[in-house]
Structure formats: structure tokens, C-alpha cells
Amino acid sequence: MRAYALCIITGIVVAAWLAERRLVRRGGPPGAISDIALWAVPFGILGGRLYHVLTDPELYFGAGRNPWNAFAVWNGGLGIWGAVALGAVGAWIGAHRAGVSFALVAEAVAPTLPIGQAIGRWGNWFNQELFGRPTSLPWGLQISPSHRPVGYETVTTFQPTFLYESLWDLGVAALVWWVGTRFRVGGFRLFAVYVAAYTVGRGWIEYLRIDKVNHIFGLRLNDWTSLLIFAAAVTFLVVTRPKTSTVRPTQGAGAISD
């Protein structure tokens, strides 16, 4: 098994295991997440691959390209936006079939998805892909000559953007867990917190990367996607905000623990 695939699978398993524990604590039936994952995971992988291929078609189609490589997921290339979008469709189908509230599922997975992403990102290290600009920092990533992009053939160390995103994802998970525990934020609102927090980090990390992608008005396509999704998530949080205080008690009999 390729190390890239192993990282992705490990991230999925850990995220699902943690989500299962959260769902049961919130009154959901045991084993529901496993049933939902049977729908969400394949939909997510399909969505992630479709997003990657559709936004970077020049890598697979045209002169000198092999279209069949579009199916070679093991070589890397899964767009998180497509994975979350179609993964959510699969999760909705799975939740409906399991008789579980989709909003409750969204609340359960909100802080566990970024943990899974943090683990999965290490697959980029094994594939030596999606790194950033040249750097002389002590934690610079050494890239073999065969994986260096055109124009950087003589550069040996690059920004380990996969590491930055992995650490950011762990921070997002901690933030979402804290928001859900400290405030009365749950359901789709807690999931929106995850989305908004992740896009902030993805925006600046994407700015560091030097892999060839399509640009719109000077910005990488994923930067535009991050901006639009961040705006949508924040708008949703504002529109659905409660009119009363949402701070959870931290002392006394009314305290809530996760």
C-alpha cells in the first residue's frame, strides 16, 4: 500500500472514531457513524478527485498527457473543497438511511474532520508534492531533483506547507471543540465554524505554494475558493446567530462537559 493512501485512510479512521464518540455522547445511536461513513467516504474521495481534475485539467488532458491518470488517486490530487461538498451529500444519504439528524452528524464531525485532514496531509510529504517557496529555515523540506518544479532545479529546500496545514488543522480542531464546549454552538453552526477557521489558514498556506495551478486576477484558484467559502460560512453564522446569550456555564451544576 502506498504511504499516501495509508495517510488518507488513517485520517479517515481516526476522524470517524472520534466522531462516533461525539455522536453517542449527544444521544446518537452507536455505530451510526460507521454506517454513514460507508456513504460519505466514497462520495468524498470522488468529490475530491473531481475538484482536482476539473480545476487542473491541463495535468491530464491535452498534448502529451494521459487522461487515464485522472483516475490515479494514489499519485495524489484530492481537493478538500470537492471532498467536503460531495462527502456531505454522502453523509446526508447515510444519516437519512440511519435515521439520524444530519445536523447532529455535522456537529459530531466538525472538530474531527480537521484532525483527519491533519493526518492525511502527511501523504504529501511521502509524495514530495504541494510544497512551498524556497527557504533556508531549519525546518525546510528537502525535495529530490525529480520532484522540483521548473525554475527551481538548483534549489534543495522548500517551505513544508503540508506541515503548516497539518498544524493549522489541529489548531482548528481545538478551536471548534472549544467553541462547541464553551458556547451554545452546535449543528450546522459548529460545522460553519470549522469551515471558516480552516479557510483562513488555507488562504495563507496556499499563498506560499509554488505548484502550477490556474490563477484568476493574480490569485490562485484555491485562494478565491477559500475567500468565497469563508464569506459563505461567516454569513451563515451571522444570519443564524441566536438573539440571547450563548455562553455555557463553566461552574456549578449547570456546567456542561464534552
Protein backbone atom coordinates (compact mmCIF):
# COMPACT_ATOMS: atom_id res chain seq x y z
CA MET A 1 0.00 0.00 0.00
CA ARG A 2 1.30 3.46 -0.87
CA ALA A 3 2.15 5.73 2.05
CA TYR A 4 -0.13 8.45 0.60
CA ALA A 5 -3.12 6.13 0.70
CA LEU A 6 -2.18 4.94 4.19
CA CYS A 7 -2.17 8.53 5.49
CA ILE A 8 -5.59 9.22 3.94
CA ILE A 9 -7.09 6.01 5.32
CA THR A 10 -5.61 6.61 8.78
CA GLY A 11 -7.04 10.13 8.83
CA ILE A 12 -10.49 8.83 7.85
CA VAL A 13 -10.45 6.10 10.50
CA VAL A 14 -9.34 8.45 13.30
CA ALA A 15 -11.86 11.14 12.33
CA ALA A 16 -14.69 8.58 12.16
CA TRP A 17 -13.75 7.03 15.51
CA LEU A 18 -13.73 10.40 17.26
CA ALA A 19 -16.97 11.45 15.55
CA GLU A 20 -18.62 8.22 16.70
CA ARG A 21 -17.76 9.02 20.32
CA ARG A 22 -19.11 12.56 19.98
CA LEU A 23 -22.33 11.39 18.31
CA VAL A 24 -23.06 8.81 21.02
CA ARG A 25 -22.46 11.42 23.74
CA ARG A 26 -25.07 13.58 22.05
CA GLY A 27 -27.68 10.86 22.03
CA GLY A 28 -26.95 9.32 18.65
CA PRO A 29 -27.12 5.54 18.14
CA PRO A 30 -23.86 3.57 18.45
CA GLY A 31 -22.40 2.52 15.11
CA ALA A 32 -24.20 5.25 13.15
CA ILE A 33 -21.00 6.99 12.06
CA SER A 34 -19.66 3.74 10.61
CA ASP A 35 -22.83 3.34 8.56
CA ILE A 36 -22.72 6.98 7.45
CA ALA A 37 -19.02 6.71 6.54
CA LEU A 38 -19.85 3.95 4.05
CA TRP A 39 -21.58 6.68 2.04
CA ALA A 40 -19.58 9.76 2.99
CA VAL A 41 -16.08 8.39 2.35
CA PRO A 42 -16.50 7.21 -1.27
CA PHE A 43 -18.52 10.33 -2.09
CA GLY A 44 -15.78 12.44 -0.51
CA ILE A 45 -12.97 10.75 -2.42
CA LEU A 46 -14.90 11.10 -5.66
CA GLY A 47 -15.64 14.76 -4.96
CA GLY A 48 -12.05 15.50 -4.00
CA ARG A 49 -10.74 13.94 -7.19
CA LEU A 50 -13.32 15.64 -9.40
CA TYR A 51 -12.44 19.05 -7.95
CA HIS A 52 -8.75 18.45 -8.54
CA VAL A 53 -9.18 17.24 -12.12
CA LEU A 54 -11.70 19.94 -13.07
CA THR A 55 -9.58 22.77 -11.66
CA ASP A 56 -6.30 21.45 -13.13
CA PRO A 57 -7.39 19.76 -16.38
CA GLU A 58 -4.10 20.57 -18.12
CA LEU A 59 -2.43 17.92 -15.95
CA TYR A 60 -4.47 15.16 -17.54
CA PHE A 61 -5.77 16.32 -20.92
CA GLY A 62 -4.04 17.72 -23.96
CA ALA A 63 -0.87 17.02 -25.88
CA GLY A 64 1.49 14.65 -24.10
CA ARG A 65 -0.95 13.90 -21.28
CA ASN A 66 -2.54 10.59 -20.37
CA PRO A 67 -6.24 11.04 -19.49
CA TRP A 68 -6.25 7.75 -17.59
CA ASN A 69 -4.02 9.38 -14.96
CA ALA A 70 -7.12 11.26 -13.83
CA PHE A 71 -8.07 8.03 -12.06
CA ALA A 72 -4.66 7.56 -10.40
CA VAL A 73 -5.69 8.84 -6.98
CA TRP A 74 -2.68 7.13 -5.39
CA ASN A 75 -0.41 9.68 -7.07
CA GLY A 76 -2.03 12.48 -5.08
CA GLY A 77 -4.57 15.10 -6.04
CA LEU A 78 -7.63 15.36 -3.79
CA GLY A 79 -9.26 18.78 -3.47
CA ILE A 80 -10.65 19.33 0.03
CA TRP A 81 -13.47 21.51 -1.29
CA GLY A 82 -14.84 18.77 -3.52
CA ALA A 83 -14.28 16.18 -0.80
CA VAL A 84 -16.30 18.14 1.76
CA ALA A 85 -19.06 19.03 -0.72
CA LEU A 86 -19.73 15.54 -2.09
CA GLY A 87 -18.79 13.97 1.24
CA ALA A 88 -21.61 15.98 2.80
CA VAL A 89 -24.02 14.60 0.19
CA GLY A 90 -22.93 11.08 1.07
CA ALA A 91 -23.22 11.86 4.80
CA TRP A 92 -26.75 13.17 4.27
CA ILE A 93 -27.74 9.98 2.48
CA GLY A 94 -26.13 7.86 5.20
CA ALA A 95 -27.72 9.87 8.02
CA HIS A 96 -31.15 9.62 6.36
CA ARG A 97 -30.81 5.86 6.00
CA ALA A 98 -29.61 5.52 9.60
CA GLY A 99 -32.41 7.72 10.92
CA VAL A 100 -30.00 10.22 12.47
CA SER A 101 -30.32 14.01 12.37
CA PHE A 102 -27.96 15.38 9.73
CA ALA A 103 -27.39 18.48 11.87
CA LEU A 104 -26.29 16.24 14.76
CA VAL A 105 -23.87 14.44 12.44
CA ALA A 106 -22.46 17.80 11.29
CA GLU A 107 -21.91 18.79 14.93
CA ALA A 108 -20.21 15.48 15.71
CA VAL A 109 -17.75 15.63 12.82
CA ALA A 110 -16.97 19.37 12.97
CA PRO A 111 -13.84 19.06 15.17
CA THR A 112 -12.87 15.58 13.96
CA LEU A 113 -12.63 16.34 10.24
CA PRO A 114 -9.64 18.69 10.66
CA ILE A 115 -7.89 16.03 12.74
CA GLY A 116 -8.35 13.60 9.86
CA GLN A 117 -7.06 16.24 7.46
CA ALA A 118 -4.01 16.84 9.67
CA ILE A 119 -3.11 13.17 9.40
CA GLY A 120 -3.89 12.89 5.70
CA ARG A 121 -1.71 15.87 4.83
CA TRP A 122 1.39 13.83 5.64
CA GLY A 123 0.75 11.90 2.45
CA ASN A 124 2.06 14.97 0.60
CA TRP A 125 5.39 14.51 2.38
CA PHE A 126 5.73 10.96 1.14
CA ASN A 127 4.76 12.04 -2.40
CA GLN A 128 7.03 15.12 -2.25
CA GLU A 129 4.28 17.37 -3.56
CA LEU A 130 2.46 20.63 -2.82
CA PHE A 131 5.41 22.25 -1.08
CA GLY A 132 6.07 25.97 -0.86
CA ARG A 133 8.67 28.52 -1.83
CA PRO A 134 12.42 28.01 -1.37
CA THR A 135 13.60 28.54 2.19
CA SER A 136 16.73 28.29 4.31
CA LEU A 137 14.79 27.78 7.54
CA PRO A 138 15.93 24.86 9.72
CA TRP A 139 12.68 23.00 9.05
CA GLY A 140 12.96 23.40 5.28
CA LEU A 141 11.80 20.37 3.30
CA GLN A 142 14.37 18.65 1.10
CA ILE A 143 12.95 17.77 -2.30
CA SER A 144 14.62 15.34 -4.70
CA PRO A 145 15.60 16.74 -8.14
CA SER A 146 12.89 14.73 -9.93
CA HIS A 147 10.14 16.48 -7.93
CA ARG A 148 11.41 20.06 -8.20
CA PRO A 149 9.33 22.33 -10.45
CA VAL A 150 10.71 24.08 -13.50
CA GLY A 151 12.82 27.06 -12.48
CA TYR A 152 13.77 25.58 -9.13
CA GLU A 153 16.10 22.82 -10.30
CA THR A 154 19.03 24.09 -8.22
CA VAL A 155 17.01 24.68 -5.03
CA THR A 156 17.13 21.90 -2.46
CA THR A 157 14.90 23.02 0.44
CA PHE A 158 11.35 24.37 0.31
CA GLN A 159 8.61 25.52 2.70
CA PRO A 160 6.86 22.41 4.12
CA THR A 161 3.35 23.71 3.51
CA PHE A 162 1.91 20.27 4.22
CA LEU A 163 3.31 20.60 7.76
CA TYR A 164 1.90 24.10 8.18
CA GLU A 165 -1.55 22.93 7.14
CA SER A 166 -1.35 19.86 9.36
CA LEU A 167 -0.57 22.04 12.39
CA TRP A 168 -3.24 24.55 11.40
CA ASP A 169 -5.80 21.75 11.14
CA LEU A 170 -5.01 20.63 14.68
CA GLY A 171 -5.49 24.23 15.83
CA VAL A 172 -8.83 24.37 14.00
CA ALA A 173 -9.93 21.16 15.72
CA ALA A 174 -9.07 22.64 19.13
CA LEU A 175 -10.89 25.89 18.30
CA VAL A 176 -14.05 24.12 17.12
CA TRP A 177 -14.07 21.88 20.19
CA TRP A 178 -13.65 24.92 22.46
CA VAL A 179 -16.42 26.89 20.72
CA GLY A 180 -18.78 23.94 20.93
CA THR A 181 -17.97 23.39 24.62
CA ARG A 182 -17.82 26.99 25.81
CA PHE A 183 -20.73 28.38 23.80
CA ARG A 184 -24.10 27.04 22.75
CA VAL A 185 -22.98 26.39 19.22
CA GLY A 186 -23.89 23.12 17.61
CA GLY A 187 -25.31 21.54 14.49
CA PHE A 188 -24.55 23.26 11.21
CA ARG A 189 -23.31 26.37 13.03
CA LEU A 190 -20.44 24.45 14.60
CA PHE A 191 -19.60 22.98 11.22
CA ALA A 192 -19.55 26.52 9.81
CA VAL A 193 -17.00 27.46 12.48
CA TYR A 194 -14.78 24.65 11.21
CA VAL A 195 -15.19 25.80 7.60
CA ALA A 196 -14.44 29.46 8.38
CA ALA A 197 -11.40 28.66 10.52
CA TYR A 198 -9.95 26.22 8.01
CA THR A 199 -10.28 28.61 5.06
CA VAL A 200 -8.33 31.32 6.89
CA GLY A 201 -5.33 29.06 7.22
CA ARG A 202 -5.71 27.54 3.79
CA GLY A 203 -5.62 31.01 2.29
CA TRP A 204 -2.16 31.97 3.59
CA ILE A 205 -0.77 28.46 3.14
CA GLU A 206 -1.94 28.43 -0.46
CA TYR A 207 -0.11 31.73 -0.97
CA LEU A 208 3.19 30.01 -0.10
CA ARG A 209 2.80 27.15 -2.56
CA ILE A 210 4.57 27.15 -5.92
CA ASP A 211 2.96 24.18 -7.67
CA LYS A 212 1.47 25.08 -11.03
CA VAL A 213 -2.22 25.96 -10.78
CA ASN A 214 -4.70 28.22 -12.53
CA HIS A 215 -4.84 31.87 -11.46
CA ILE A 216 -7.68 34.39 -11.59
CA PHE A 217 -6.75 38.09 -11.35
CA GLY A 218 -3.36 37.15 -9.95
CA LEU A 219 -4.66 34.87 -7.19
CA ARG A 220 -4.51 31.09 -7.12
CA LEU A 221 -7.85 29.44 -7.74
CA ASN A 222 -7.87 27.87 -4.27
CA ASP A 223 -7.37 31.30 -2.73
CA TRP A 224 -10.54 32.50 -4.43
CA THR A 225 -12.33 29.37 -3.29
CA SER A 226 -11.15 29.98 0.28
CA LEU A 227 -12.39 33.57 0.20
CA LEU A 228 -15.82 32.63 -1.15
CA ILE A 229 -16.33 29.74 1.25
CA PHE A 230 -15.11 31.83 4.21
CA ALA A 231 -17.62 34.55 3.31
CA ALA A 232 -20.41 31.98 3.00
CA ALA A 233 -19.57 30.38 6.36
CA VAL A 234 -19.37 33.71 8.21
CA THR A 235 -22.61 34.90 6.59
CA PHE A 236 -24.33 31.71 7.75
CA LEU A 237 -23.05 32.22 11.31
CA VAL A 238 -24.29 35.82 11.34
CA VAL A 239 -27.69 35.05 9.87
CA THR A 240 -28.33 32.12 12.23
CA ARG A 241 -26.92 33.68 15.40
CA PRO A 242 -29.19 33.43 18.46
CA LYS A 243 -30.65 36.57 19.97
CA THR A 244 -29.80 35.60 23.56
CA SER A 245 -26.53 34.90 25.36
CA THR A 246 -24.89 31.68 24.24
CA VAL A 247 -22.12 31.35 26.82
CA ARG A 248 -22.20 27.97 28.52
CA PRO A 249 -21.76 27.91 32.32
CA THR A 250 -18.31 26.88 33.45
CA GLN A 251 -19.06 26.30 37.13
CA GLY A 252 -21.82 24.82 39.20
CA ALA A 253 -24.35 22.13 38.49
CA GLY A 254 -25.20 23.54 35.10
CA ALA A 255 -21.70 23.08 33.68
CA ILE A 256 -21.52 21.05 30.50
CA SER A 257 -18.53 18.90 29.64
CA ASP A 258 -17.65 17.25 26.37
